[in-house]
Amino acid sequence: MQYINQLGPVAALVAGILILVMPKLLNYIIAIYLIIVGVVGLMK
């Protein structure tokens, strides 16, 4: 069950990193948000 709870934050981190690889202005904002959500989720 703990694995499922960490799936969302990991998915957010992966999505954020992938968006940073192919950046545009809005993509930077979305990527930073997703990375922050992922890190905060993993720290809980």
C-alpha atoms as a PDB file:
ATOM      1  CA  MET A   1       0.000   0.000   0.000  1.00  0.00           C
ATOM      2  CA  GLN A   2       2.882   2.372   0.730  1.00  0.00           C
ATOM      3  CA  TYR A   3       4.165   1.748  -2.806  1.00  0.00           C
ATOM      4  CA  ILE A   4       0.871   2.986  -4.257  1.00  0.00           C
ATOM      5  CA  ASN A   5       0.983   6.123  -2.085  1.00  0.00           C
ATOM      6  CA  GLN A   6       4.433   7.000  -3.464  1.00  0.00           C
ATOM      7  CA  LEU A   7       3.416   6.412  -7.083  1.00  0.00           C
ATOM      8  CA  GLY A   8       1.834   9.877  -7.483  1.00  0.00           C
ATOM      9  CA  PRO A   9       4.874  11.837  -6.300  1.00  0.00           C
ATOM     10  CA  VAL A  10       7.224   9.688  -8.385  1.00  0.00           C
ATOM     11  CA  ALA A  11       5.027  10.226 -11.451  1.00  0.00           C
ATOM     12  CA  ALA A  12       5.069  13.976 -10.767  1.00  0.00           C
ATOM     13  CA  LEU A  13       8.883  13.978 -10.539  1.00  0.00           C
ATOM     14  CA  VAL A  14       9.261  11.999 -13.768  1.00  0.00           C
ATOM     15  CA  ALA A  15       6.775  14.246 -15.591  1.00  0.00           C
ATOM     16  CA  GLY A  16       8.542  17.350 -14.301  1.00  0.00           C
ATOM     17  CA  ILE A  17      11.959  16.138 -15.418  1.00  0.00           C
ATOM     18  CA  LEU A  18      10.647  15.127 -18.855  1.00  0.00           C
ATOM     19  CA  ILE A  19       9.028  18.538 -19.337  1.00  0.00           C
ATOM     20  CA  LEU A  20      12.314  20.256 -18.403  1.00  0.00           C
ATOM     21  CA  VAL A  21      14.079  18.257 -21.125  1.00  0.00           C
ATOM     22  CA  MET A  22      11.778  19.847 -23.753  1.00  0.00           C
ATOM     23  CA  PRO A  23      11.153  23.296 -22.284  1.00  0.00           C
ATOM     24  CA  LYS A  24       8.880  26.163 -23.179  1.00  0.00           C
ATOM     25  CA  LEU A  25       7.867  28.980 -20.836  1.00  0.00           C
ATOM     26  CA  LEU A  26       4.665  27.367 -19.545  1.00  0.00           C
ATOM     27  CA  ASN A  27       6.421  24.024 -19.353  1.00  0.00           C
ATOM     28  CA  TYR A  28       8.974  25.493 -16.915  1.00  0.00           C
ATOM     29  CA  ILE A  29       6.191  26.584 -14.584  1.00  0.00           C
ATOM     30  CA  ILE A  30       4.458  23.207 -14.773  1.00  0.00           C
ATOM     31  CA  ALA A  31       7.741  21.313 -14.353  1.00  0.00           C
ATOM     32  CA  ILE A  32       8.748  23.259 -11.255  1.00  0.00           C
ATOM     33  CA  TYR A  33       5.302  22.699  -9.735  1.00  0.00           C
ATOM     34  CA  LEU A  34       5.405  18.958 -10.443  1.00  0.00           C
ATOM     35  CA  ILE A  35       8.912  18.584  -9.017  1.00  0.00           C
ATOM     36  CA  ILE A  36       7.934  20.428  -5.829  1.00  0.00           C
ATOM     37  CA  VAL A  37       4.789  18.300  -5.436  1.00  0.00           C
ATOM     38  CA  GLY A  38       6.849  15.149  -6.003  1.00  0.00           C
ATOM     39  CA  VAL A  39       9.551  16.041  -3.484  1.00  0.00           C
ATOM     40  CA  VAL A  40       7.037  17.113  -0.823  1.00  0.00           C
ATOM     41  CA  GLY A  41       5.031  13.932  -1.404  1.00  0.00           C
ATOM     42  CA  LEU A  42       8.089  11.719  -1.000  1.00  0.00           C
ATOM     43  CA  MET A  43       9.119  13.474   2.228  1.00  0.00           C
ATOM     44  CA  LYS A  44       5.792  12.757   3.929  1.00  0.00           C
END
